[in-house]
C-alpha atoms as a PDB file:
ATOM      1  CA  VAL A   1      80.850 -67.346-170.666  1.00  0.00           C
ATOM      2  CA  TYR A   2      81.751 -71.086-170.446  1.00  0.00           C
ATOM      3  CA  CYS A   3      79.232 -74.033-170.745  1.00  0.00           C
ATOM      4  CA  ALA A   4      80.112 -77.512-171.091  1.00  0.00           C
ATOM      5  CA  ALA A   5      76.504 -78.350-172.009  1.00  0.00           C
ATOM      6  CA  PRO A   6      76.196 -79.280-175.833  1.00  0.00           C
ATOM      7  CA  SER A   7      73.383 -76.764-176.012  1.00  0.00           C
ATOM      8  CA  MET A   8      71.393 -73.960-174.317  1.00  0.00           C
ATOM      9  CA  PRO A   9      68.109 -72.797-174.689  1.00  0.00           C
ATOM     10  CA  TRP A  10      67.923 -69.750-177.057  1.00  0.00           C
ATOM     11  CA  TRP A  11      66.532 -67.359-174.026  1.00  0.00           C
ATOM     12  CA  LEU A  12      69.664 -67.756-172.224  1.00  0.00           C
ATOM     13  CA  LEU A  13      72.142 -67.333-175.546  1.00  0.00           C
ATOM     14  CA  GLN A  14      69.756 -64.068-176.162  1.00  0.00           C
ATOM     15  CA  SER A  15      70.075 -63.178-172.557  1.00  0.00           C
ATOM     16  CA  MET A  16      74.305 -63.482-172.748  1.00  0.00           C
ATOM     17  CA  ALA A  17      74.144 -61.521-176.389  1.00  0.00           C
ATOM     18  CA  LYS A  18      71.777 -58.495-174.729  1.00  0.00           C
ATOM     19  CA  SER A  19      74.623 -58.314-171.819  1.00  0.00           C
ATOM     20  CA  ALA A  20      77.352 -58.229-174.473  1.00  0.00           C
ATOM     21  CA  GLY A  21      75.617 -55.283-176.407  1.00  0.00           C
ATOM     22  CA  VAL A  22      74.536 -57.427-179.329  1.00  0.00           C
ATOM     23  CA  HIS A  23      71.566 -55.853-181.277  1.00  0.00           C
ATOM     24  CA  ILE A  24      68.569 -58.106-181.166  1.00  0.00           C
ATOM     25  CA  PHE A  25      66.023 -58.229-183.996  1.00  0.00           C
ATOM     26  CA  ASN A  26      63.433 -60.316-182.298  1.00  0.00           C
ATOM     27  CA  ASP A  27      62.760 -61.359-178.630  1.00  0.00           C
ATOM     28  CA  ALA A  28      60.471 -64.313-179.915  1.00  0.00           C
ATOM     29  CA  GLY A  29      63.228 -66.910-179.989  1.00  0.00           C
ATOM     30  CA  ASP A  30      62.567 -67.540-183.756  1.00  0.00           C
ATOM     31  CA  VAL A  31      65.228 -68.544-186.174  1.00  0.00           C
ATOM     32  CA  MET A  32      66.539 -65.406-187.854  1.00  0.00           C
ATOM     33  CA  TYR A  33      69.645 -64.707-190.495  1.00  0.00           C
ATOM     34  CA  MET A  34      70.460 -61.463-191.779  1.00  0.00           C
ATOM     35  CA  ASN A  35      73.333 -60.216-194.218  1.00  0.00           C
ATOM     36  CA  LYS A  36      73.460 -56.853-195.941  1.00  0.00           C
ATOM     37  CA  SER A  37      70.457 -57.618-198.305  1.00  0.00           C
ATOM     38  CA  PHE A  38      68.126 -60.003-196.721  1.00  0.00           C
ATOM     39  CA  LEU A  39      66.565 -60.434-193.067  1.00  0.00           C
ATOM     40  CA  THR A  40      64.931 -63.974-193.036  1.00  0.00           C
ATOM     41  CA  ILE A  41      62.496 -65.206-190.125  1.00  0.00           C
ATOM     42  CA  HIS A  42      61.322 -68.669-189.320  1.00  0.00           C
ATOM     43  CA  SER A  43      58.457 -68.652-186.783  1.00  0.00           C
ATOM     44  CA  ASN A  44      57.809 -71.792-184.388  1.00  0.00           C
ATOM     45  CA  GLU A  45      54.599 -70.433-183.296  1.00  0.00           C
ATOM     46  CA  ALA A  46      52.110 -68.034-184.894  1.00  0.00           C
ATOM     47  CA  GLY A  47      51.777 -64.540-183.621  1.00  0.00           C
ATOM     48  CA  GLN A  48      52.801 -60.895-183.970  1.00  0.00           C
ATOM     49  CA  ARG A  49      56.433 -60.087-184.056  1.00  0.00           C
ATOM     50  CA  ILE A  50      58.310 -56.882-183.924  1.00  0.00           C
ATOM     51  CA  LEU A  51      61.375 -56.742-185.715  1.00  0.00           C
ATOM     52  CA  ARG A  52      63.550 -54.121-184.861  1.00  0.00           C
ATOM     53  CA  CYS A  53      66.187 -52.609-186.675  1.00  0.00           C
ATOM     54  CA  ALA A  54      69.635 -50.754-185.391  1.00  0.00           C
ATOM     55  CA  LYS A  55      68.733 -47.793-188.068  1.00  0.00           C
ATOM     56  CA  PRO A  56      66.002 -46.715-190.173  1.00  0.00           C
ATOM     57  CA  THR A  57      65.088 -49.508-192.663  1.00  0.00           C
ATOM     58  CA  SER A  58      63.060 -50.347-195.420  1.00  0.00           C
ATOM     59  CA  LEU A  59      61.886 -54.211-195.768  1.00  0.00           C
ATOM     60  CA  PHE A  60      59.949 -55.676-198.837  1.00  0.00           C
ATOM     61  CA  GLU A  61      58.587 -59.263-198.517  1.00  0.00           C
ATOM     62  CA  VAL A  62      59.839 -60.999-201.202  1.00  0.00           C
ATOM     63  CA  PHE A  63      57.356 -63.960-201.455  1.00  0.00           C
ATOM     64  CA  GLU A  64      54.075 -61.890-200.915  1.00  0.00           C
ATOM     65  CA  ARG A  65      55.693 -59.180-202.855  1.00  0.00           C
ATOM     66  CA  GLN A  66      54.720 -56.441-200.306  1.00  0.00           C
ATOM     67  CA  GLN A  67      56.443 -53.482-198.792  1.00  0.00           C
ATOM     68  CA  THR A  68      56.427 -54.013-195.009  1.00  0.00           C
ATOM     69  CA  ALA A  69      58.327 -51.193-193.945  1.00  0.00           C
ATOM     70  CA  THR A  70      59.514 -47.968-195.232  1.00  0.00           C
ATOM     71  CA  ASP A  71      62.354 -46.166-192.893  1.00  0.00           C
ATOM     72  CA  ALA A  72      60.898 -47.786-189.676  1.00  0.00           C
ATOM     73  CA  THR A  73      63.285 -49.260-186.831  1.00  0.00           C
ATOM     74  CA  GLU A  74      60.389 -51.194-185.460  1.00  0.00           C
ATOM     75  CA  VAL A  75      58.101 -53.319-187.539  1.00  0.00           C
ATOM     76  CA  LYS A  76      55.067 -55.503-186.529  1.00  0.00           C
ATOM     77  CA  VAL A  77      54.338 -58.449-188.671  1.00  0.00           C
ATOM     78  CA  ASP A  78      51.660 -61.118-188.136  1.00  0.00           C
ATOM     79  CA  LEU A  79      53.258 -64.679-188.797  1.00  0.00           C
ATOM     80  CA  PRO A  80      51.305 -68.103-188.954  1.00  0.00           C
ATOM     81  CA  ALA A  81      53.491 -71.069-187.160  1.00  0.00           C
ATOM     82  CA  LYS A  82      56.035 -72.793-189.072  1.00  0.00           C
ATOM     83  CA  HIS A  83      56.248 -70.183-191.418  1.00  0.00           C
ATOM     84  CA  THR A  84      59.469 -68.335-193.050  1.00  0.00           C
ATOM     85  CA  ALA A  85      59.466 -64.869-194.303  1.00  0.00           C
ATOM     86  CA  ILE A  86      62.247 -63.190-196.450  1.00  0.00           C
ATOM     87  CA  TYR A  87      62.651 -59.591-196.234  1.00  0.00           C
ATOM     88  CA  PHE A  88      64.950 -57.757-198.598  1.00  0.00           C
ATOM     89  CA  ILE A  89      66.470 -54.703-196.859  1.00  0.00           C
ATOM     90  CA  GLY A  90      65.279 -52.209-199.437  1.00  0.00           C
ATOM     91  CA  THR A  91      62.181 -50.837-201.515  1.00  0.00           C
ATOM     92  CA  ALA A  92      60.073 -52.760-204.268  1.00  0.00           C
ATOM     93  CA  ASP A  93      62.095 -50.638-206.619  1.00  0.00           C
ATOM     94  CA  GLN A  94      65.401 -51.661-205.230  1.00  0.00           C
ATOM     95  CA  TRP A  95      64.150 -55.269-205.243  1.00  0.00           C
ATOM     96  CA  GLU A  96      63.295 -55.026-208.926  1.00  0.00           C
ATOM     97  CA  LYS A  97      66.517 -53.462-210.153  1.00  0.00           C
ATOM     98  CA  ALA A  98      68.848 -56.126-207.829  1.00  0.00           C
ATOM     99  CA  ARG A  99      66.615 -58.841-209.637  1.00  0.00           C
ATOM    100  CA  LYS A 100      66.988 -57.233-213.273  1.00  0.00           C
ATOM    101  CA  LYS A 101      71.069 -57.423-212.626  1.00  0.00           C
ATOM    102  CA  ASP A 102      70.952 -61.202-212.739  1.00  0.00           C
END
């Protein structure tokens, strides 16, 4: 795909990614970052989000110190507007062990 415009709307980029076979974690157009240890989401608007993981995954929310999911491929979370949530990919015990290594 070639586009000479300086930017494209998120839904167009998402559509192209889906057609290329890219795994989409969230359909809401929120800003997301992910690596092997963390999944971060920043919500533009308030509401429920469905986070879809490619394989069964455990998520621990580091600010709230709460286990959000255990071995799930779909996780429903309610987020306020303009909110950032950081999820450690693992359990509360794994999070504590990782923190103590520093």
